[in-house]
Amino acid sequence: MANRRKRNRIALTRSDHIFNAINYLFLSLVFLVTIYPAYYVLVASISNSTFVNSGELLLWPKGLHFTGYQHVLSDPRIGTGYMNIVIYTIGGTALGLFPSLLAGYSLSRNDLPGRKIITAFMVFTMYFSGGLIPTYLVVKSLGLLNSRGIVVILGSVSVYNIILIRTFFASNIPPDLREAAEIDECGNTRFFFSVVLPLSKAIISVIGLCLAVGYWNSYFNALIYLTDRSKHPLQIFLREILLTQTQNDIADGKMASAYKKMVAVIKYAVIVISTLPIMCLYPFLQKYFVQGVMIGSLKG
């Protein structure tokens, strides 16, 4: 069997080998350029501040030190921020994903009355919005100021995501499948939950990951609409840790100088703490994510 496979392979010429070698070399360089900044941040966060500030750090950690993490994690605000950001991320992702799937599937159906008009109105909102002040007034009139709900609601549903989902359903859910389900007396609701959703893991993973990353990194809405510090997300507390610990907070001059040297290490520790949890999700969704990002690239 193995010999048969070898005989069926197309023989590569010398130019093919050279082309492949150049491609591997180029992609390896791109990989190194892409991964090195993240690697440097991780290494710098566990290195001695003296080596980080002097620029001597290159590939390996020097003077292994966890002072940055100790300083950040010892702050009681971190636990509160993590709890809130998890609530906002899970709630916002669920709230944004389910309505987007329903809207995308509905717009992918050719038998939906007024489909083009609805799409035109939705696309219009992508380019024209009321702005921050009208949005703030609407939120205030609804009594949602200083509530966790407003952080979850704002930005949960995106027209861009709905268009992506519509394109996926139109390309991957054939009308024949729906007709066969109708013959078996399967209604629209059952067809959507029993047939469409199980076949849509790729787009669900892509949109869900994008929403989760957006909510995890978001801080502006909380900064505008929340005044209760117990409801602030992690990013606001991390920002405060970097900005409020100034030299004026330390009476001893030597301690102030030492802290000033530690600022860079603390910054790198903050970056790792804020990005590592959401990065851990990607390996589990990579297979579906790669499939989903190809939506619309192939036709036929």
Protein backbone atom coordinates (compact mmCIF):
# COMPACT_ATOMS: atom_id res chain seq x y z
CA MET A 1 0.00 0.00 0.00
CA ALA A 2 2.82 2.40 0.89
CA ASN A 3 4.67 1.59 -2.35
CA ARG A 4 1.51 2.27 -4.35
CA ARG A 5 1.15 5.68 -2.72
CA LYS A 6 4.74 6.52 -3.55
CA ARG A 7 4.20 5.56 -7.20
CA ASN A 8 1.07 7.76 -7.39
CA ARG A 9 2.86 10.85 -6.09
CA ILE A 10 3.82 13.57 -8.53
CA ALA A 11 7.59 13.84 -8.78
CA LEU A 12 8.89 17.24 -7.70
CA THR A 13 11.40 18.97 -9.90
CA ARG A 14 14.42 20.88 -8.67
CA SER A 15 12.61 24.18 -9.06
CA ASP A 16 9.71 22.82 -6.95
CA HIS A 17 12.10 21.95 -4.13
CA ILE A 18 13.69 25.40 -4.31
CA PHE A 19 10.26 27.06 -4.28
CA ASN A 20 9.17 25.00 -1.27
CA ALA A 21 12.39 25.78 0.59
CA ILE A 22 11.90 29.52 0.01
CA ASN A 23 8.29 29.26 1.19
CA TYR A 24 9.29 27.42 4.38
CA LEU A 25 12.03 29.95 5.06
CA PHE A 26 9.71 32.91 4.50
CA LEU A 27 6.92 31.46 6.64
CA SER A 28 9.41 30.62 9.40
CA LEU A 29 10.60 34.24 9.44
CA VAL A 30 7.02 35.49 9.56
CA PHE A 31 6.31 33.10 12.44
CA LEU A 32 9.34 34.32 14.38
CA VAL A 33 8.48 37.98 13.82
CA THR A 34 4.92 37.30 14.97
CA ILE A 35 5.66 35.14 18.01
CA TYR A 36 8.74 36.94 19.36
CA PRO A 37 6.93 40.01 20.82
CA ALA A 38 4.58 37.75 22.80
CA TYR A 39 7.52 35.61 23.91
CA TYR A 40 9.49 38.68 24.96
CA VAL A 41 6.60 39.97 27.06
CA LEU A 42 6.39 36.63 28.86
CA VAL A 43 10.14 36.46 29.44
CA ALA A 44 10.38 40.09 30.58
CA SER A 45 7.55 39.60 33.07
CA ILE A 46 9.60 37.03 35.01
CA SER A 47 13.00 38.72 34.71
CA ASN A 48 14.85 41.12 36.96
CA SER A 49 13.88 44.74 36.29
CA THR A 50 17.55 45.74 35.95
CA PHE A 51 18.04 43.58 32.86
CA VAL A 52 14.68 44.63 31.39
CA ASN A 53 15.37 48.36 31.71
CA SER A 54 18.94 48.06 30.40
CA GLY A 55 17.84 46.24 27.25
CA GLU A 56 20.05 43.22 27.95
CA LEU A 57 17.11 40.82 27.77
CA LEU A 58 16.86 39.03 24.43
CA LEU A 59 15.94 35.33 24.43
CA TRP A 60 16.06 33.95 27.96
CA PRO A 61 14.89 35.33 31.31
CA LYS A 62 17.66 36.84 33.43
CA GLY A 63 17.53 37.05 37.18
CA LEU A 64 14.34 35.03 37.51
CA HIS A 65 11.94 37.22 39.43
CA PHE A 66 8.17 37.22 40.02
CA THR A 67 7.93 40.62 41.67
CA GLY A 68 5.68 42.00 38.93
CA TYR A 69 3.14 39.21 39.38
CA GLN A 70 3.33 39.48 43.17
CA HIS A 71 2.65 43.21 42.99
CA VAL A 72 -0.31 42.84 40.62
CA LEU A 73 -1.92 39.71 42.06
CA SER A 74 -1.65 40.96 45.65
CA ASP A 75 -4.03 43.80 44.79
CA PRO A 76 -7.58 42.89 46.00
CA ARG A 77 -9.05 44.63 42.96
CA ILE A 78 -7.78 41.86 40.67
CA GLY A 79 -10.22 39.25 42.04
CA THR A 80 -13.16 41.63 41.64
CA GLY A 81 -12.06 42.56 38.12
CA TYR A 82 -11.69 38.93 37.06
CA MET A 83 -15.14 38.04 38.38
CA ASN A 84 -16.75 40.95 36.54
CA ILE A 85 -14.93 40.40 33.26
CA VAL A 86 -15.91 36.72 33.25
CA ILE A 87 -19.56 37.71 33.77
CA TYR A 88 -19.40 40.30 30.99
CA THR A 89 -17.60 37.97 28.59
CA ILE A 90 -19.89 34.98 29.06
CA GLY A 91 -23.08 37.06 29.15
CA GLY A 92 -22.13 39.27 26.22
CA THR A 93 -20.99 36.36 24.06
CA ALA A 94 -24.20 34.42 24.68
CA LEU A 95 -26.39 37.48 24.19
CA GLY A 96 -24.62 38.47 20.99
CA LEU A 97 -24.29 35.01 19.47
CA PHE A 98 -27.83 33.68 19.70
CA PRO A 99 -29.69 36.69 18.16
CA SER A 100 -27.03 36.96 15.46
CA LEU A 101 -27.53 33.31 14.53
CA LEU A 102 -31.30 33.77 14.36
CA ALA A 103 -31.01 36.94 12.27
CA GLY A 104 -28.35 35.47 9.97
CA TYR A 105 -30.38 32.35 9.31
CA SER A 106 -33.56 34.34 8.67
CA LEU A 107 -31.80 36.62 6.18
CA SER A 108 -30.31 33.62 4.39
CA ARG A 109 -33.78 32.34 3.56
CA ASN A 110 -35.03 33.46 0.15
CA ASP A 111 -38.64 33.07 1.29
CA LEU A 112 -38.31 35.78 3.99
CA PRO A 113 -40.63 38.70 3.06
CA GLY A 114 -38.78 42.02 2.76
CA ARG A 115 -35.38 40.40 3.12
CA LYS A 116 -33.56 42.99 1.00
CA ILE A 117 -35.20 45.93 2.77
CA ILE A 118 -34.32 44.54 6.20
CA THR A 119 -30.73 43.98 5.08
CA ALA A 120 -30.51 47.53 3.71
CA PHE A 121 -31.72 49.02 7.01
CA MET A 122 -29.24 46.92 8.96
CA VAL A 123 -26.32 47.86 6.72
CA PHE A 124 -27.27 51.53 7.08
CA THR A 125 -26.60 51.33 10.80
CA MET A 126 -23.04 50.17 10.09
CA TYR A 127 -22.14 53.55 8.62
CA PHE A 128 -24.38 55.95 10.55
CA SER A 129 -24.96 55.96 14.31
CA GLY A 130 -26.30 58.40 16.88
CA GLY A 131 -22.98 58.84 18.65
CA LEU A 132 -21.91 58.71 22.27
CA ILE A 133 -24.12 61.46 23.74
CA PRO A 134 -27.45 60.20 22.29
CA THR A 135 -26.50 56.68 23.36
CA TYR A 136 -25.77 57.87 26.87
CA LEU A 137 -29.12 59.67 27.04
CA VAL A 138 -30.96 56.56 25.87
CA VAL A 139 -29.16 54.40 28.43
CA LYS A 140 -30.00 56.92 31.16
CA SER A 141 -33.67 57.09 30.17
CA LEU A 142 -33.89 53.29 30.32
CA GLY A 143 -32.47 53.29 33.84
CA LEU A 144 -29.48 51.15 32.88
CA LEU A 145 -26.77 53.45 34.19
CA ASN A 146 -24.42 51.77 36.67
CA SER A 147 -25.76 48.29 35.90
CA ARG A 148 -23.88 45.27 34.65
CA GLY A 149 -26.56 44.75 32.03
CA ILE A 150 -25.53 47.79 30.00
CA VAL A 151 -21.96 46.48 29.62
CA VAL A 152 -23.35 43.17 28.36
CA ILE A 153 -25.95 44.70 26.03
CA LEU A 154 -23.89 47.38 24.29
CA GLY A 155 -21.99 45.93 21.36
CA SER A 156 -23.43 42.45 21.72
CA VAL A 157 -25.12 42.32 18.30
CA SER A 158 -23.12 43.42 15.27
CA VAL A 159 -24.45 43.79 11.74
CA TYR A 160 -21.08 42.64 10.43
CA ASN A 161 -21.39 39.37 12.35
CA ILE A 162 -24.93 38.89 11.09
CA ILE A 163 -23.75 39.30 7.49
CA LEU A 164 -21.00 36.74 8.03
CA ILE A 165 -23.48 34.28 9.52
CA ARG A 166 -25.94 34.89 6.68
CA THR A 167 -23.21 34.19 4.13
CA PHE A 168 -22.26 30.97 5.92
CA PHE A 169 -25.84 29.70 6.04
CA ALA A 170 -26.48 30.62 2.41
CA SER A 171 -23.36 28.73 1.31
CA ASN A 172 -23.49 25.68 3.58
CA ILE A 173 -27.16 24.96 4.26
CA PRO A 174 -28.64 23.81 0.91
CA PRO A 175 -32.34 24.39 0.21
CA ASP A 176 -32.69 20.66 -0.56
CA LEU A 177 -31.92 19.89 3.05
CA ARG A 178 -34.72 22.15 4.22
CA GLU A 179 -37.12 20.69 1.69
CA ALA A 180 -36.31 17.18 2.89
CA ALA A 181 -36.97 18.28 6.46
CA GLU A 182 -40.31 19.80 5.45
CA ILE A 183 -41.32 16.50 3.87
CA ASP A 184 -40.67 14.85 7.22
CA GLU A 185 -42.90 17.51 8.84
CA CYS A 186 -40.00 19.30 10.49
CA GLY A 187 -40.87 22.90 11.34
CA ASN A 188 -38.58 25.90 11.10
CA THR A 189 -37.77 25.96 14.80
CA ARG A 190 -36.87 22.29 14.99
CA PHE A 191 -34.92 22.50 11.72
CA PHE A 192 -32.86 25.41 13.05
CA PHE A 193 -31.96 23.78 16.36
CA SER A 194 -31.69 20.14 15.19
CA VAL A 195 -30.10 20.57 11.76
CA VAL A 196 -28.70 24.06 11.20
CA LEU A 197 -26.87 24.63 14.49
CA PRO A 198 -25.06 21.23 14.53
CA LEU A 199 -23.78 22.00 11.01
CA SER A 200 -22.61 25.49 11.98
CA LYS A 201 -19.85 24.80 14.50
CA ALA A 202 -17.31 26.70 12.39
CA ILE A 203 -19.19 30.00 12.25
CA ILE A 204 -20.34 29.68 15.86
CA SER A 205 -16.73 29.25 16.98
CA VAL A 206 -15.49 32.21 14.92
CA ILE A 207 -18.19 34.65 16.01
CA GLY A 208 -18.13 33.41 19.59
CA LEU A 209 -14.36 33.82 19.84
CA CYS A 210 -14.47 37.30 18.32
CA LEU A 211 -17.20 38.36 20.73
CA ALA A 212 -15.38 36.87 23.71
CA VAL A 213 -12.12 38.63 22.83
CA GLY A 214 -13.96 41.91 22.31
CA TYR A 215 -15.69 41.72 25.69
CA TRP A 216 -12.54 40.58 27.46
CA ASN A 217 -10.56 43.56 26.16
CA SER A 218 -13.39 46.10 26.48
CA TYR A 219 -13.23 48.80 29.11
CA PHE A 220 -14.68 51.94 27.48
CA ASN A 221 -18.37 51.17 28.08
CA ALA A 222 -17.68 50.32 31.71
CA LEU A 223 -15.68 53.52 32.09
CA ILE A 224 -18.57 55.61 30.72
CA TYR A 225 -21.63 53.93 32.21
CA LEU A 226 -20.43 52.41 35.50
CA THR A 227 -19.67 54.42 38.62
CA ASP A 228 -19.75 51.53 41.10
CA ARG A 229 -16.17 50.27 41.37
CA SER A 230 -17.34 46.82 42.42
CA LYS A 231 -18.72 46.39 38.86
CA HIS A 232 -15.61 47.51 36.98
CA PRO A 233 -13.94 44.92 34.70
CA LEU A 234 -10.37 43.72 35.01
CA GLN A 235 -8.91 46.11 32.43
CA ILE A 236 -9.90 49.23 34.39
CA PHE A 237 -8.26 47.92 37.56
CA LEU A 238 -5.10 46.97 35.68
CA ARG A 239 -4.98 50.44 34.21
CA GLU A 240 -5.32 51.94 37.67
CA ILE A 241 -2.48 49.77 38.98
CA LEU A 242 -0.18 51.24 36.36
CA LEU A 243 -1.33 54.85 36.73
CA THR A 244 -1.99 55.33 40.43
CA GLN A 245 1.26 53.89 41.81
CA THR A 246 3.37 56.99 41.22
CA GLN A 247 6.54 58.15 42.88
CA ASN A 248 4.53 60.48 45.12
CA ASP A 249 2.94 57.48 46.81
CA ILE A 250 6.32 56.39 48.21
CA ALA A 251 8.01 58.49 50.88
CA ASP A 252 11.42 56.84 50.79
CA GLY A 253 13.52 57.99 47.86
CA LYS A 254 15.27 54.62 47.49
CA MET A 255 11.96 52.80 47.41
CA ALA A 256 10.68 55.26 44.82
CA SER A 257 13.73 54.63 42.65
CA ALA A 258 13.33 50.87 43.00
CA TYR A 259 9.66 51.04 42.09
CA LYS A 260 10.46 53.18 39.06
CA LYS A 261 12.72 50.40 37.81
CA MET A 262 9.96 47.86 38.39
CA VAL A 263 7.38 49.72 36.30
CA ALA A 264 8.37 47.96 33.07
CA VAL A 265 8.20 44.51 34.68
CA ILE A 266 4.79 45.33 36.17
CA LYS A 267 3.55 46.42 32.74
CA TYR A 268 4.61 43.12 31.21
CA ALA A 269 2.99 41.19 34.06
CA VAL A 270 -0.23 43.13 33.49
CA ILE A 271 -0.17 42.22 29.78
CA VAL A 272 0.26 38.51 30.57
CA ILE A 273 -2.44 38.48 33.25
CA SER A 274 -4.94 40.25 31.01
CA THR A 275 -4.35 38.23 27.81
CA LEU A 276 -3.40 34.71 28.92
CA PRO A 277 -6.91 33.45 29.88
CA ILE A 278 -8.51 34.41 26.59
CA MET A 279 -5.55 33.03 24.61
CA CYS A 280 -6.08 29.65 26.25
CA LEU A 281 -9.42 29.34 24.44
CA TYR A 282 -7.92 29.45 20.96
CA PRO A 283 -6.35 25.93 20.88
CA PHE A 284 -9.75 24.40 21.60
CA LEU A 285 -11.44 26.37 18.81
CA GLN A 286 -8.61 26.38 16.28
CA LYS A 287 -10.06 23.66 14.04
CA TYR A 288 -13.40 25.42 13.65
CA PHE A 289 -11.79 28.87 13.58
CA VAL A 290 -9.66 27.99 10.54
CA GLN A 291 -12.76 26.70 8.73
CA GLY A 292 -14.81 29.75 9.66
CA VAL A 293 -12.34 32.40 8.50
CA MET A 294 -12.57 30.94 4.97
CA ILE A 295 -16.24 31.93 4.75
CA GLY A 296 -16.93 33.67 1.47
CA SER A 297 -13.47 32.98 0.02
CA LEU A 298 -14.70 30.11 -2.17
CA LYS A 299 -17.75 30.05 -4.38
CA GLY A 300 -19.37 27.31 -6.30
